[in-house]
Amino acid sequence: MSGGRPPIRVLVVEDDPVAADAHVMYVGRVPGFVAVGKAHTGAEARRALERTQVDLLLLDLHLPDVHGLQLARTLRAAGYHADVIAVTSARDLAVVREGVSLGVVQYVLKPFTFATLRDRLVRYADFRAAAGEASGQEEVDRALAALRAPAPASLPKGLSAPTLERVTSTLREDTDGLTATALAEAVGISRITARRYLEHLVDTGRAARRPQYGTVGRPELVYQWVRTASR
């Protein structure tokens, strides 16, 4: 996923020590990310930022000494520009709206699984990778869409969100692209099923296909994840 770029440095800010350790472990399992530290209070987070370069805060909103959004506001005023993925059990949409102006790019509701956090981190990395000048509105829309998870209801009949997550993760991690046969073997599904998921990713603009020549008979299609930076 990193494509030779330096890893995205993450500071975990979470008051529960067990949860903080779990989040650090989760971050370390996602290629292209590295946890550079953890803090259990807002004060600890500010001290960590003074001594460590941080690209992204994985920020619990309910800290013992300050609300997470107030911390984000203070950090912005102090000149820190790290993005924020908010971690919270609160479902108040007013809080969500407030967070947008403070650099909150994603919300993850507690409790969450590793797969959920991994998806948000990978989407953030795709968004962050966007560079250069957009050719038009469509490219701007695609860059912003990298942060949004697809709605399960939009899946074609017969496709499931968990299998799509496995297919997407496998395709993302192979920079050379995969055929339907290779993907089927990697994920543990049939070639026909793999082809359906791959075609769905092509239809939604998240994958591209190209013919692979050099074999006897018709060329086989190779599918490759479309990274925001290459668009």
C-alpha atoms as a PDB file:
ATOM      1  CA  MET A   1       0.000   0.000   0.000  1.00  0.00           C
ATOM      2  CA  SER A   2       2.824   2.469   0.850  1.00  0.00           C
ATOM      3  CA  GLY A   3       4.387   2.229  -2.637  1.00  0.00           C
ATOM      4  CA  GLY A   4       7.804   3.282  -1.313  1.00  0.00           C
ATOM      5  CA  ARG A   5       6.424   6.226   0.670  1.00  0.00           C
ATOM      6  CA  PRO A   6       7.363   6.615   4.341  1.00  0.00           C
ATOM      7  CA  PRO A   7       4.881   5.045   6.750  1.00  0.00           C
ATOM      8  CA  ILE A   8       2.023   7.098   8.145  1.00  0.00           C
ATOM      9  CA  ARG A   9       2.861   7.852  11.775  1.00  0.00           C
ATOM     10  CA  VAL A  10      -0.027   7.316  14.193  1.00  0.00           C
ATOM     11  CA  LEU A  11      -0.393   8.463  17.792  1.00  0.00           C
ATOM     12  CA  VAL A  12      -2.993   6.456  19.734  1.00  0.00           C
ATOM     13  CA  VAL A  13      -4.839   8.601  22.291  1.00  0.00           C
ATOM     14  CA  GLU A  14      -7.013   6.365  24.481  1.00  0.00           C
ATOM     15  CA  ASP A  15      -7.603   6.492  28.247  1.00  0.00           C
ATOM     16  CA  ASP A  16      -8.193   2.729  28.650  1.00  0.00           C
ATOM     17  CA  PRO A  17      -4.737   1.081  28.774  1.00  0.00           C
ATOM     18  CA  VAL A  18      -6.014  -2.259  27.452  1.00  0.00           C
ATOM     19  CA  ALA A  19      -7.803  -0.590  24.557  1.00  0.00           C
ATOM     20  CA  ALA A  20      -4.771   1.604  23.855  1.00  0.00           C
ATOM     21  CA  ASP A  21      -2.521  -1.448  23.596  1.00  0.00           C
ATOM     22  CA  ALA A  22      -5.027  -3.133  21.280  1.00  0.00           C
ATOM     23  CA  HIS A  23      -5.219  -0.070  19.033  1.00  0.00           C
ATOM     24  CA  VAL A  24      -1.427   0.155  18.835  1.00  0.00           C
ATOM     25  CA  MET A  25      -1.348  -3.513  17.835  1.00  0.00           C
ATOM     26  CA  TYR A  26      -4.072  -2.968  15.220  1.00  0.00           C
ATOM     27  CA  VAL A  27      -2.214  -0.033  13.663  1.00  0.00           C
ATOM     28  CA  GLY A  28       0.980  -2.077  13.488  1.00  0.00           C
ATOM     29  CA  ARG A  29      -0.803  -4.789  11.516  1.00  0.00           C
ATOM     30  CA  VAL A  30      -1.787  -2.442   8.671  1.00  0.00           C
ATOM     31  CA  PRO A  31       0.914  -2.074   5.984  1.00  0.00           C
ATOM     32  CA  GLY A  32       2.030   1.499   5.519  1.00  0.00           C
ATOM     33  CA  PHE A  33       1.248   2.570   9.095  1.00  0.00           C
ATOM     34  CA  VAL A  34       3.333   2.687  12.260  1.00  0.00           C
ATOM     35  CA  ALA A  35       2.236   3.521  15.804  1.00  0.00           C
ATOM     36  CA  VAL A  36       4.758   6.041  17.157  1.00  0.00           C
ATOM     37  CA  GLY A  37       3.297   6.212  20.630  1.00  0.00           C
ATOM     38  CA  LYS A  38       0.245   6.203  22.874  1.00  0.00           C
ATOM     39  CA  ALA A  39      -1.233   8.673  25.315  1.00  0.00           C
ATOM     40  CA  HIS A  40      -3.926   8.204  27.944  1.00  0.00           C
ATOM     41  CA  THR A  41      -4.831  11.880  28.444  1.00  0.00           C
ATOM     42  CA  GLY A  42      -4.953  15.066  26.428  1.00  0.00           C
ATOM     43  CA  ALA A  43      -1.921  16.392  28.302  1.00  0.00           C
ATOM     44  CA  GLU A  44       0.085  13.276  27.430  1.00  0.00           C
ATOM     45  CA  ALA A  45      -0.963  13.637  23.803  1.00  0.00           C
ATOM     46  CA  ARG A  46       0.293  17.238  23.658  1.00  0.00           C
ATOM     47  CA  ARG A  47       3.627  16.221  25.183  1.00  0.00           C
ATOM     48  CA  ALA A  48       3.955  13.365  22.688  1.00  0.00           C
ATOM     49  CA  LEU A  49       3.326  15.723  19.776  1.00  0.00           C
ATOM     50  CA  GLU A  50       6.045  18.068  21.040  1.00  0.00           C
ATOM     51  CA  ARG A  51       8.683  15.362  20.723  1.00  0.00           C
ATOM     52  CA  THR A  52       7.382  13.117  17.929  1.00  0.00           C
ATOM     53  CA  GLN A  53       6.291  13.796  14.368  1.00  0.00           C
ATOM     54  CA  VAL A  54       2.719  12.534  13.929  1.00  0.00           C
ATOM     55  CA  ASP A  55       0.585  12.333  10.780  1.00  0.00           C
ATOM     56  CA  LEU A  56      -2.607  10.891  12.262  1.00  0.00           C
ATOM     57  CA  LEU A  57      -4.262  10.803  15.681  1.00  0.00           C
ATOM     58  CA  LEU A  58      -6.409   7.806  16.593  1.00  0.00           C
ATOM     59  CA  LEU A  59      -8.307   9.853  19.128  1.00  0.00           C
ATOM     60  CA  ASP A  60     -10.748   8.715  21.804  1.00  0.00           C
ATOM     61  CA  LEU A  61     -13.234  11.544  22.350  1.00  0.00           C
ATOM     62  CA  HIS A  62     -13.842  10.856  26.048  1.00  0.00           C
ATOM     63  CA  LEU A  63     -10.541  11.510  27.809  1.00  0.00           C
ATOM     64  CA  PRO A  64     -10.281  12.074  31.569  1.00  0.00           C
ATOM     65  CA  ASP A  65      -8.926  15.639  31.296  1.00  0.00           C
ATOM     66  CA  VAL A  66     -10.471  17.005  28.077  1.00  0.00           C
ATOM     67  CA  HIS A  67     -13.015  16.156  25.396  1.00  0.00           C
ATOM     68  CA  GLY A  68     -11.324  14.856  22.258  1.00  0.00           C
ATOM     69  CA  LEU A  69     -12.770  17.592  20.036  1.00  0.00           C
ATOM     70  CA  GLN A  70     -11.555  20.281  22.442  1.00  0.00           C
ATOM     71  CA  LEU A  71      -8.106  18.689  22.273  1.00  0.00           C
ATOM     72  CA  ALA A  72      -8.259  18.714  18.472  1.00  0.00           C
ATOM     73  CA  ARG A  73      -9.270  22.402  18.532  1.00  0.00           C
ATOM     74  CA  THR A  74      -6.369  23.259  20.866  1.00  0.00           C
ATOM     75  CA  LEU A  75      -3.901  21.367  18.690  1.00  0.00           C
ATOM     76  CA  ARG A  76      -5.099  23.171  15.558  1.00  0.00           C
ATOM     77  CA  ALA A  77      -4.654  26.532  17.298  1.00  0.00           C
ATOM     78  CA  ALA A  78      -1.141  25.515  18.343  1.00  0.00           C
ATOM     79  CA  GLY A  79      -0.175  24.735  14.748  1.00  0.00           C
ATOM     80  CA  TYR A  80      -0.405  20.937  14.760  1.00  0.00           C
ATOM     81  CA  HIS A  81      -1.914  19.680  11.506  1.00  0.00           C
ATOM     82  CA  ALA A  82      -2.194  15.932  12.086  1.00  0.00           C
ATOM     83  CA  ASP A  83      -5.441  14.455  10.798  1.00  0.00           C
ATOM     84  CA  VAL A  84      -7.793  12.721  13.220  1.00  0.00           C
ATOM     85  CA  ILE A  85      -9.711   9.472  13.215  1.00  0.00           C
ATOM     86  CA  ALA A  86     -12.120   9.799  16.128  1.00  0.00           C
ATOM     87  CA  VAL A  87     -12.881   6.762  18.252  1.00  0.00           C
ATOM     88  CA  THR A  88     -16.064   7.043  20.276  1.00  0.00           C
ATOM     89  CA  SER A  89     -19.168   5.324  21.561  1.00  0.00           C
ATOM     90  CA  ALA A  90     -21.149   8.551  21.137  1.00  0.00           C
ATOM     91  CA  ARG A  91     -23.593   8.724  18.239  1.00  0.00           C
ATOM     92  CA  ASP A  92     -24.422  12.427  18.398  1.00  0.00           C
ATOM     93  CA  LEU A  93     -24.365  13.706  14.808  1.00  0.00           C
ATOM     94  CA  ALA A  94     -23.794  17.256  16.046  1.00  0.00           C
ATOM     95  CA  VAL A  95     -20.442  16.052  17.356  1.00  0.00           C
ATOM     96  CA  VAL A  96     -19.705  14.517  13.969  1.00  0.00           C
ATOM     97  CA  ARG A  97     -20.429  17.826  12.219  1.00  0.00           C
ATOM     98  CA  GLU A  98     -18.253  19.754  14.661  1.00  0.00           C
ATOM     99  CA  GLY A  99     -15.394  17.377  14.109  1.00  0.00           C
ATOM    100  CA  VAL A 100     -15.270  17.989  10.354  1.00  0.00           C
ATOM    101  CA  SER A 101     -13.850  21.500  10.839  1.00  0.00           C
ATOM    102  CA  LEU A 102     -11.206  20.182  13.232  1.00  0.00           C
ATOM    103  CA  GLY A 103      -9.546  17.691  10.903  1.00  0.00           C
ATOM    104  CA  VAL A 104     -11.594  14.630  11.811  1.00  0.00           C
ATOM    105  CA  VAL A 105     -11.528  12.550   8.627  1.00  0.00           C
ATOM    106  CA  GLN A 106     -13.177   9.386   9.964  1.00  0.00           C
ATOM    107  CA  TYR A 107     -15.280   8.183  12.888  1.00  0.00           C
ATOM    108  CA  VAL A 108     -15.005   4.666  14.303  1.00  0.00           C
ATOM    109  CA  LEU A 109     -17.715   3.634  16.730  1.00  0.00           C
ATOM    110  CA  LYS A 110     -16.815   1.485  19.730  1.00  0.00           C
ATOM    111  CA  PRO A 111     -16.647  -1.426  19.954  1.00  0.00           C
ATOM    112  CA  PHE A 112     -14.943  -2.118  16.635  1.00  0.00           C
ATOM    113  CA  THR A 113     -12.961  -4.955  15.079  1.00  0.00           C
ATOM    114  CA  PHE A 114      -9.529  -4.903  13.494  1.00  0.00           C
ATOM    115  CA  ALA A 115     -11.157  -5.235  10.057  1.00  0.00           C
ATOM    116  CA  THR A 116     -13.165  -2.047  10.649  1.00  0.00           C
ATOM    117  CA  LEU A 117     -10.120  -0.018  11.684  1.00  0.00           C
ATOM    118  CA  ARG A 118      -8.012  -1.467   8.893  1.00  0.00           C
ATOM    119  CA  ASP A 119     -10.609  -0.396   6.343  1.00  0.00           C
ATOM    120  CA  ARG A 120     -10.634   3.180   7.701  1.00  0.00           C
ATOM    121  CA  LEU A 121      -6.844   3.369   7.753  1.00  0.00           C
ATOM    122  CA  VAL A 122      -6.465   2.056   4.215  1.00  0.00           C
ATOM    123  CA  ARG A 123      -9.093   4.490   2.940  1.00  0.00           C
ATOM    124  CA  TYR A 124      -7.300   7.308   4.719  1.00  0.00           C
ATOM    125  CA  ALA A 125      -4.019   6.268   3.098  1.00  0.00           C
ATOM    126  CA  ASP A 126      -5.656   6.314  -0.351  1.00  0.00           C
ATOM    127  CA  PHE A 127      -7.040   9.790   0.381  1.00  0.00           C
ATOM    128  CA  ARG A 128      -3.692  11.024   1.685  1.00  0.00           C
ATOM    129  CA  ALA A 129      -1.893   9.696  -1.398  1.00  0.00           C
ATOM    130  CA  ALA A 130      -3.773  12.083  -3.689  1.00  0.00           C
ATOM    131  CA  ALA A 131      -1.277  14.565  -5.082  1.00  0.00           C
ATOM    132  CA  GLY A 132      -0.929  17.103  -7.833  1.00  0.00           C
ATOM    133  CA  GLU A 133      -3.706  19.085  -9.467  1.00  0.00           C
ATOM    134  CA  ALA A 134      -7.101  17.527 -10.129  1.00  0.00           C
ATOM    135  CA  SER A 135      -8.148  17.405 -13.766  1.00  0.00           C
ATOM    136  CA  GLY A 136     -11.748  18.198 -12.860  1.00  0.00           C
ATOM    137  CA  GLN A 137     -14.687  17.703 -10.522  1.00  0.00           C
ATOM    138  CA  GLU A 138     -14.771  13.934 -11.047  1.00  0.00           C
ATOM    139  CA  GLU A 139     -11.219  13.493  -9.782  1.00  0.00           C
ATOM    140  CA  VAL A 140     -11.911  15.655  -6.732  1.00  0.00           C
ATOM    141  CA  ASP A 141     -15.018  13.549  -6.013  1.00  0.00           C
ATOM    142  CA  ARG A 142     -12.995  10.329  -6.325  1.00  0.00           C
ATOM    143  CA  ALA A 143     -10.367  11.591  -3.891  1.00  0.00           C
ATOM    144  CA  LEU A 144     -13.003  12.466  -1.295  1.00  0.00           C
ATOM    145  CA  ALA A 145     -14.853   9.198  -1.921  1.00  0.00           C
ATOM    146  CA  ALA A 146     -11.763   7.293  -0.763  1.00  0.00           C
ATOM    147  CA  LEU A 147     -12.753   8.173   2.804  1.00  0.00           C
ATOM    148  CA  ARG A 148     -16.267   6.778   2.512  1.00  0.00           C
ATOM    149  CA  ALA A 149     -17.090   3.124   3.061  1.00  0.00           C
ATOM    150  CA  PRO A 150     -19.494   1.601   0.546  1.00  0.00           C
ATOM    151  CA  ALA A 151     -23.044   1.123   1.811  1.00  0.00           C
ATOM    152  CA  PRO A 152     -23.815  -2.593   2.226  1.00  0.00           C
ATOM    153  CA  ALA A 153     -27.240  -2.046   0.698  1.00  0.00           C
ATOM    154  CA  SER A 154     -25.633  -1.010  -2.581  1.00  0.00           C
ATOM    155  CA  LEU A 155     -24.057  -4.423  -3.134  1.00  0.00           C
ATOM    156  CA  PRO A 156     -25.468  -6.443  -6.033  1.00  0.00           C
ATOM    157  CA  LYS A 157     -27.556  -9.466  -5.142  1.00  0.00           C
ATOM    158  CA  GLY A 158     -25.398 -12.408  -4.120  1.00  0.00           C
ATOM    159  CA  LEU A 159     -22.438 -10.348  -2.898  1.00  0.00           C
ATOM    160  CA  SER A 160     -21.707 -10.003   0.813  1.00  0.00           C
ATOM    161  CA  ALA A 161     -19.878  -7.229   2.655  1.00  0.00           C
ATOM    162  CA  PRO A 162     -17.482  -9.573   4.573  1.00  0.00           C
ATOM    163  CA  THR A 163     -16.379 -11.336   1.372  1.00  0.00           C
ATOM    164  CA  LEU A 164     -16.036  -7.994  -0.408  1.00  0.00           C
ATOM    165  CA  GLU A 165     -13.797  -6.825   2.434  1.00  0.00           C
ATOM    166  CA  ARG A 166     -11.532  -9.875   1.990  1.00  0.00           C
ATOM    167  CA  VAL A 167     -11.443  -9.449  -1.789  1.00  0.00           C
ATOM    168  CA  THR A 168     -10.692  -5.735  -1.481  1.00  0.00           C
ATOM    169  CA  SER A 169      -7.942  -6.258   1.098  1.00  0.00           C
ATOM    170  CA  THR A 170      -6.290  -8.995  -0.970  1.00  0.00           C
ATOM    171  CA  LEU A 171      -6.393  -6.938  -4.160  1.00  0.00           C
ATOM    172  CA  ARG A 172      -5.033  -3.831  -2.447  1.00  0.00           C
ATOM    173  CA  GLU A 173      -2.038  -5.705  -1.071  1.00  0.00           C
ATOM    174  CA  ASP A 174      -0.960  -7.113  -4.461  1.00  0.00           C
ATOM    175  CA  THR A 175       0.530  -4.186  -6.391  1.00  0.00           C
ATOM    176  CA  ASP A 176       0.957  -6.238  -9.597  1.00  0.00           C
ATOM    177  CA  GLY A 177      -2.700  -7.171  -9.845  1.00  0.00           C
ATOM    178  CA  LEU A 178      -4.485 -10.526  -9.674  1.00  0.00           C
ATOM    179  CA  THR A 179      -6.449 -12.711 -12.024  1.00  0.00           C
ATOM    180  CA  ALA A 180      -9.813 -14.071 -10.900  1.00  0.00           C
ATOM    181  CA  THR A 181      -8.194 -17.493 -10.532  1.00  0.00           C
ATOM    182  CA  ALA A 182      -5.392 -16.193  -8.305  1.00  0.00           C
ATOM    183  CA  LEU A 183      -7.796 -14.164  -6.197  1.00  0.00           C
ATOM    184  CA  ALA A 184     -10.136 -17.139  -5.790  1.00  0.00           C
ATOM    185  CA  GLU A 185      -7.256 -19.234  -4.435  1.00  0.00           C
ATOM    186  CA  ALA A 186      -6.115 -16.466  -2.079  1.00  0.00           C
ATOM    187  CA  VAL A 187      -9.568 -15.745  -0.649  1.00  0.00           C
ATOM    188  CA  GLY A 188     -10.995 -19.275  -0.748  1.00  0.00           C
ATOM    189  CA  ILE A 189     -13.902 -18.763  -3.138  1.00  0.00           C
ATOM    190  CA  SER A 190     -14.702 -20.035  -6.615  1.00  0.00           C
ATOM    191  CA  ARG A 191     -13.229 -18.362  -9.703  1.00  0.00           C
ATOM    192  CA  ILE A 192     -16.694 -17.363 -10.911  1.00  0.00           C
ATOM    193  CA  THR A 193     -17.505 -15.769  -7.553  1.00  0.00           C
ATOM    194  CA  ALA A 194     -14.145 -13.984  -7.499  1.00  0.00           C
ATOM    195  CA  ARG A 195     -14.852 -12.621 -10.971  1.00  0.00           C
ATOM    196  CA  ARG A 196     -18.201 -11.203  -9.792  1.00  0.00           C
ATOM    197  CA  TYR A 197     -16.565  -9.348  -6.909  1.00  0.00           C
ATOM    198  CA  LEU A 198     -13.780  -8.060  -9.142  1.00  0.00           C
ATOM    199  CA  GLU A 199     -16.231  -6.812 -11.744  1.00  0.00           C
ATOM    200  CA  HIS A 200     -18.182  -5.063  -8.981  1.00  0.00           C
ATOM    201  CA  LEU A 201     -14.989  -3.243  -7.928  1.00  0.00           C
ATOM    202  CA  VAL A 202     -14.399  -2.256 -11.567  1.00  0.00           C
ATOM    203  CA  ASP A 203     -17.987  -0.997 -11.892  1.00  0.00           C
ATOM    204  CA  THR A 204     -17.589   1.167  -8.772  1.00  0.00           C
ATOM    205  CA  GLY A 205     -14.268   2.617  -9.953  1.00  0.00           C
ATOM    206  CA  ARG A 206     -12.104   0.945  -7.311  1.00  0.00           C
ATOM    207  CA  ALA A 207     -10.354  -1.529  -9.612  1.00  0.00           C
ATOM    208  CA  ALA A 208      -9.258  -1.651 -13.234  1.00  0.00           C
ATOM    209  CA  ARG A 209      -8.798  -4.641 -15.523  1.00  0.00           C
ATOM    210  CA  ARG A 210      -6.296  -5.281 -18.280  1.00  0.00           C
ATOM    211  CA  PRO A 211      -5.586  -8.279 -20.521  1.00  0.00           C
ATOM    212  CA  GLN A 212      -2.561 -10.418 -19.743  1.00  0.00           C
ATOM    213  CA  TYR A 213      -0.941 -11.693 -22.917  1.00  0.00           C
ATOM    214  CA  GLY A 214       1.677 -14.353 -23.438  1.00  0.00           C
ATOM    215  CA  THR A 215      -0.482 -17.404 -22.783  1.00  0.00           C
ATOM    216  CA  VAL A 216      -2.074 -19.824 -25.208  1.00  0.00           C
ATOM    217  CA  GLY A 217      -5.631 -18.927 -26.190  1.00  0.00           C
ATOM    218  CA  ARG A 218      -7.520 -15.858 -25.025  1.00  0.00           C
ATOM    219  CA  PRO A 219      -5.621 -13.485 -22.737  1.00  0.00           C
ATOM    220  CA  GLU A 220      -6.636 -13.638 -19.074  1.00  0.00           C
ATOM    221  CA  LEU A 221      -7.848 -10.505 -17.348  1.00  0.00           C
ATOM    222  CA  VAL A 222      -5.735  -9.048 -14.557  1.00  0.00           C
ATOM    223  CA  TYR A 223      -7.446  -6.827 -11.986  1.00  0.00           C
ATOM    224  CA  GLN A 224      -5.605  -4.104 -10.099  1.00  0.00           C
ATOM    225  CA  TRP A 225      -6.627  -1.786  -7.295  1.00  0.00           C
ATOM    226  CA  VAL A 226      -6.968   1.802  -8.505  1.00  0.00           C
ATOM    227  CA  ARG A 227      -4.981   3.992  -6.143  1.00  0.00           C
ATOM    228  CA  THR A 228      -5.954   7.624  -5.774  1.00  0.00           C
ATOM    229  CA  ALA A 229      -2.434   8.817  -6.477  1.00  0.00           C
ATOM    230  CA  SER A 230      -2.456   7.255  -9.939  1.00  0.00           C
ATOM    231  CA  ARG A 231      -5.710   8.829 -11.077  1.00  0.00           C
END
